[in-house]
């Protein structure tokens, strides 16, 4: 299991704690400290398109209108904190966010 998030993100911390309780030991990538690989960006954008970009973030609000029109892969490569978090990959399948449906998938609840 691969977990891409941000160490100071409350949602990511809750998700990691819940995953650990459920017996998962994800390989964690911090978007600020470790960046996101081009391969992972491509897979996430392929799965979610522009929904992979968190348009409610402070980073998004700081972008120019021209930057906001860029391809999601280019945006995520330039500004990894724009990724909707957490992004979790298991057996080649990706999820983003930590809503009830994602929790049910990984926690069996």
C-alpha atoms as a PDB file:
ATOM      1  CA  UNK A   1       0.000   0.000   0.000  1.00  0.00           C
ATOM      2  CA  UNK A   2       1.289   3.408  -0.956  1.00  0.00           C
ATOM      3  CA  UNK A   3       0.081   6.502   0.924  1.00  0.00           C
ATOM      4  CA  UNK A   4       0.731   9.976  -0.436  1.00  0.00           C
ATOM      5  CA  UNK A   5      -0.122  12.785   1.928  1.00  0.00           C
ATOM      6  CA  UNK A   6       1.177  15.593   4.058  1.00  0.00           C
ATOM      7  CA  UNK A   7       2.513  14.977   7.551  1.00  0.00           C
ATOM      8  CA  UNK A   8       0.829  18.056   9.025  1.00  0.00           C
ATOM      9  CA  UNK A   9      -2.558  17.353   7.391  1.00  0.00           C
ATOM     10  CA  UNK A  10      -5.182  16.349   9.988  1.00  0.00           C
ATOM     11  CA  UNK A  11      -7.013  14.117   7.515  1.00  0.00           C
ATOM     12  CA  UNK A  12      -3.795  12.323   6.565  1.00  0.00           C
ATOM     13  CA  UNK A  13      -2.884  11.763  10.209  1.00  0.00           C
ATOM     14  CA  UNK A  14      -6.349  10.321  10.931  1.00  0.00           C
ATOM     15  CA  UNK A  15      -6.138   8.100   7.864  1.00  0.00           C
ATOM     16  CA  UNK A  16      -2.682   6.772   8.767  1.00  0.00           C
ATOM     17  CA  UNK A  17      -3.766   6.047  12.339  1.00  0.00           C
ATOM     18  CA  UNK A  18      -6.893   4.207  11.151  1.00  0.00           C
ATOM     19  CA  UNK A  19      -4.919   2.224   8.580  1.00  0.00           C
ATOM     20  CA  UNK A  20      -2.392   1.185  11.244  1.00  0.00           C
ATOM     21  CA  UNK A  21      -5.179   0.017  13.575  1.00  0.00           C
ATOM     22  CA  UNK A  22      -6.598  -2.023  10.670  1.00  0.00           C
ATOM     23  CA  UNK A  23      -3.207  -3.701  10.196  1.00  0.00           C
ATOM     24  CA  UNK A  24      -1.976  -1.806   7.139  1.00  0.00           C
ATOM     25  CA  UNK A  25       1.609  -0.597   6.959  1.00  0.00           C
ATOM     26  CA  UNK A  26       1.638   1.860   4.071  1.00  0.00           C
ATOM     27  CA  UNK A  27       4.736   3.201   2.380  1.00  0.00           C
ATOM     28  CA  UNK A  28       4.283   6.921   3.135  1.00  0.00           C
ATOM     29  CA  UNK A  29       5.300   9.729   0.802  1.00  0.00           C
ATOM     30  CA  UNK A  30       5.084  13.265   2.190  1.00  0.00           C
ATOM     31  CA  UNK A  31       4.356  15.599  -0.726  1.00  0.00           C
ATOM     32  CA  UNK A  32       6.323  18.441   0.795  1.00  0.00           C
ATOM     33  CA  UNK A  33       9.383  16.486   1.969  1.00  0.00           C
ATOM     34  CA  UNK A  34       9.542  13.716  -0.634  1.00  0.00           C
ATOM     35  CA  UNK A  35       7.648  15.108  -3.650  1.00  0.00           C
ATOM     36  CA  UNK A  36       5.523  12.883  -5.885  1.00  0.00           C
ATOM     37  CA  UNK A  37       7.067  10.781  -8.622  1.00  0.00           C
ATOM     38  CA  UNK A  38       6.095  11.498 -12.209  1.00  0.00           C
ATOM     39  CA  UNK A  39       4.790   7.929 -12.454  1.00  0.00           C
ATOM     40  CA  UNK A  40       2.496   8.425  -9.468  1.00  0.00           C
ATOM     41  CA  UNK A  41       1.280  11.791 -10.752  1.00  0.00           C
ATOM     42  CA  UNK A  42       0.459  10.207 -14.109  1.00  0.00           C
ATOM     43  CA  UNK A  43      -1.436   7.338 -12.454  1.00  0.00           C
ATOM     44  CA  UNK A  44      -3.401   9.646 -10.150  1.00  0.00           C
ATOM     45  CA  UNK A  45      -4.319  12.054 -12.958  1.00  0.00           C
ATOM     46  CA  UNK A  46      -5.255   9.109 -15.170  1.00  0.00           C
ATOM     47  CA  UNK A  47      -7.597   7.831 -12.461  1.00  0.00           C
ATOM     48  CA  UNK A  48      -9.123  11.138 -11.324  1.00  0.00           C
ATOM     49  CA  UNK A  49      -8.347  13.840 -13.880  1.00  0.00           C
ATOM     50  CA  UNK A  50      -8.709  17.360 -12.529  1.00  0.00           C
ATOM     51  CA  UNK A  51     -10.464  16.015  -9.406  1.00  0.00           C
ATOM     52  CA  UNK A  52      -6.964  15.120  -8.137  1.00  0.00           C
ATOM     53  CA  UNK A  53      -6.340  18.848  -7.613  1.00  0.00           C
ATOM     54  CA  UNK A  54      -7.528  20.322  -4.321  1.00  0.00           C
ATOM     55  CA  UNK A  55      -9.181  23.577  -5.349  1.00  0.00           C
ATOM     56  CA  UNK A  56      -9.953  24.490  -1.733  1.00  0.00           C
ATOM     57  CA  UNK A  57      -6.285  24.710  -0.746  1.00  0.00           C
ATOM     58  CA  UNK A  58      -4.272  27.779   0.115  1.00  0.00           C
ATOM     59  CA  UNK A  59      -1.848  26.848  -2.653  1.00  0.00           C
ATOM     60  CA  UNK A  60      -4.670  26.887  -5.233  1.00  0.00           C
ATOM     61  CA  UNK A  61      -5.857  30.315  -4.105  1.00  0.00           C
ATOM     62  CA  UNK A  62      -2.313  31.625  -4.571  1.00  0.00           C
ATOM     63  CA  UNK A  63      -2.085  30.550  -8.217  1.00  0.00           C
ATOM     64  CA  UNK A  64      -2.640  32.929 -11.100  1.00  0.00           C
ATOM     65  CA  UNK A  65      -5.601  32.372 -13.415  1.00  0.00           C
ATOM     66  CA  UNK A  66      -3.190  31.169 -16.109  1.00  0.00           C
ATOM     67  CA  UNK A  67      -1.646  28.609 -13.738  1.00  0.00           C
ATOM     68  CA  UNK A  68      -5.097  27.364 -12.702  1.00  0.00           C
ATOM     69  CA  UNK A  69      -5.808  26.472 -16.337  1.00  0.00           C
ATOM     70  CA  UNK A  70      -2.754  24.186 -16.588  1.00  0.00           C
ATOM     71  CA  UNK A  71      -2.956  20.436 -17.018  1.00  0.00           C
ATOM     72  CA  UNK A  72      -3.452  18.714 -13.631  1.00  0.00           C
ATOM     73  CA  UNK A  73      -0.234  16.703 -14.052  1.00  0.00           C
ATOM     74  CA  UNK A  74       1.775  19.882 -14.616  1.00  0.00           C
ATOM     75  CA  UNK A  75       0.116  21.550 -11.619  1.00  0.00           C
ATOM     76  CA  UNK A  76       0.848  18.594  -9.318  1.00  0.00           C
ATOM     77  CA  UNK A  77       4.450  18.374 -10.479  1.00  0.00           C
ATOM     78  CA  UNK A  78       4.996  22.083  -9.834  1.00  0.00           C
ATOM     79  CA  UNK A  79       2.894  22.296  -6.656  1.00  0.00           C
ATOM     80  CA  UNK A  80       2.637  18.852  -4.983  1.00  0.00           C
ATOM     81  CA  UNK A  81       0.605  20.267  -2.077  1.00  0.00           C
ATOM     82  CA  UNK A  82      -2.270  20.717  -4.544  1.00  0.00           C
ATOM     83  CA  UNK A  83      -2.893  16.965  -4.440  1.00  0.00           C
ATOM     84  CA  UNK A  84      -6.213  16.050  -2.883  1.00  0.00           C
ATOM     85  CA  UNK A  85      -5.093  14.024   0.117  1.00  0.00           C
ATOM     86  CA  UNK A  86      -4.532  11.346   0.950  1.00  0.00           C
ATOM     87  CA  UNK A  87      -3.928   9.483  -2.290  1.00  0.00           C
ATOM     88  CA  UNK A  88      -3.711   5.762  -1.580  1.00  0.00           C
ATOM     89  CA  UNK A  89      -2.709   2.997  -3.982  1.00  0.00           C
ATOM     90  CA  UNK A  90      -3.314  -0.671  -3.318  1.00  0.00           C
ATOM     91  CA  UNK A  91      -2.851  -3.365  -5.956  1.00  0.00           C
ATOM     92  CA  UNK A  92      -2.724  -0.785  -8.750  1.00  0.00           C
ATOM     93  CA  UNK A  93      -5.975   0.933  -7.748  1.00  0.00           C
ATOM     94  CA  UNK A  94      -5.957   4.515  -6.473  1.00  0.00           C
ATOM     95  CA  UNK A  95      -8.285   6.410  -4.148  1.00  0.00           C
ATOM     96  CA  UNK A  96      -8.162  10.037  -3.048  1.00  0.00           C
ATOM     97  CA  UNK A  97      -9.560  11.635   0.073  1.00  0.00           C
ATOM     98  CA  UNK A  98     -10.701   9.950   3.273  1.00  0.00           C
ATOM     99  CA  UNK A  99     -14.481   9.873   2.960  1.00  0.00           C
ATOM    100  CA  UNK A 100     -16.660   6.980   4.148  1.00  0.00           C
ATOM    101  CA  UNK A 101     -16.363   5.033   0.879  1.00  0.00           C
ATOM    102  CA  UNK A 102     -12.553   5.114   0.984  1.00  0.00           C
ATOM    103  CA  UNK A 103     -12.520   4.193   4.673  1.00  0.00           C
ATOM    104  CA  UNK A 104     -14.830   1.251   3.980  1.00  0.00           C
ATOM    105  CA  UNK A 105     -12.528   0.036   1.202  1.00  0.00           C
ATOM    106  CA  UNK A 106      -9.413  -0.052   3.402  1.00  0.00           C
ATOM    107  CA  UNK A 107     -10.873  -0.567   6.866  1.00  0.00           C
ATOM    108  CA  UNK A 108     -13.710  -2.937   6.014  1.00  0.00           C
ATOM    109  CA  UNK A 109     -16.270  -0.771   7.804  1.00  0.00           C
END
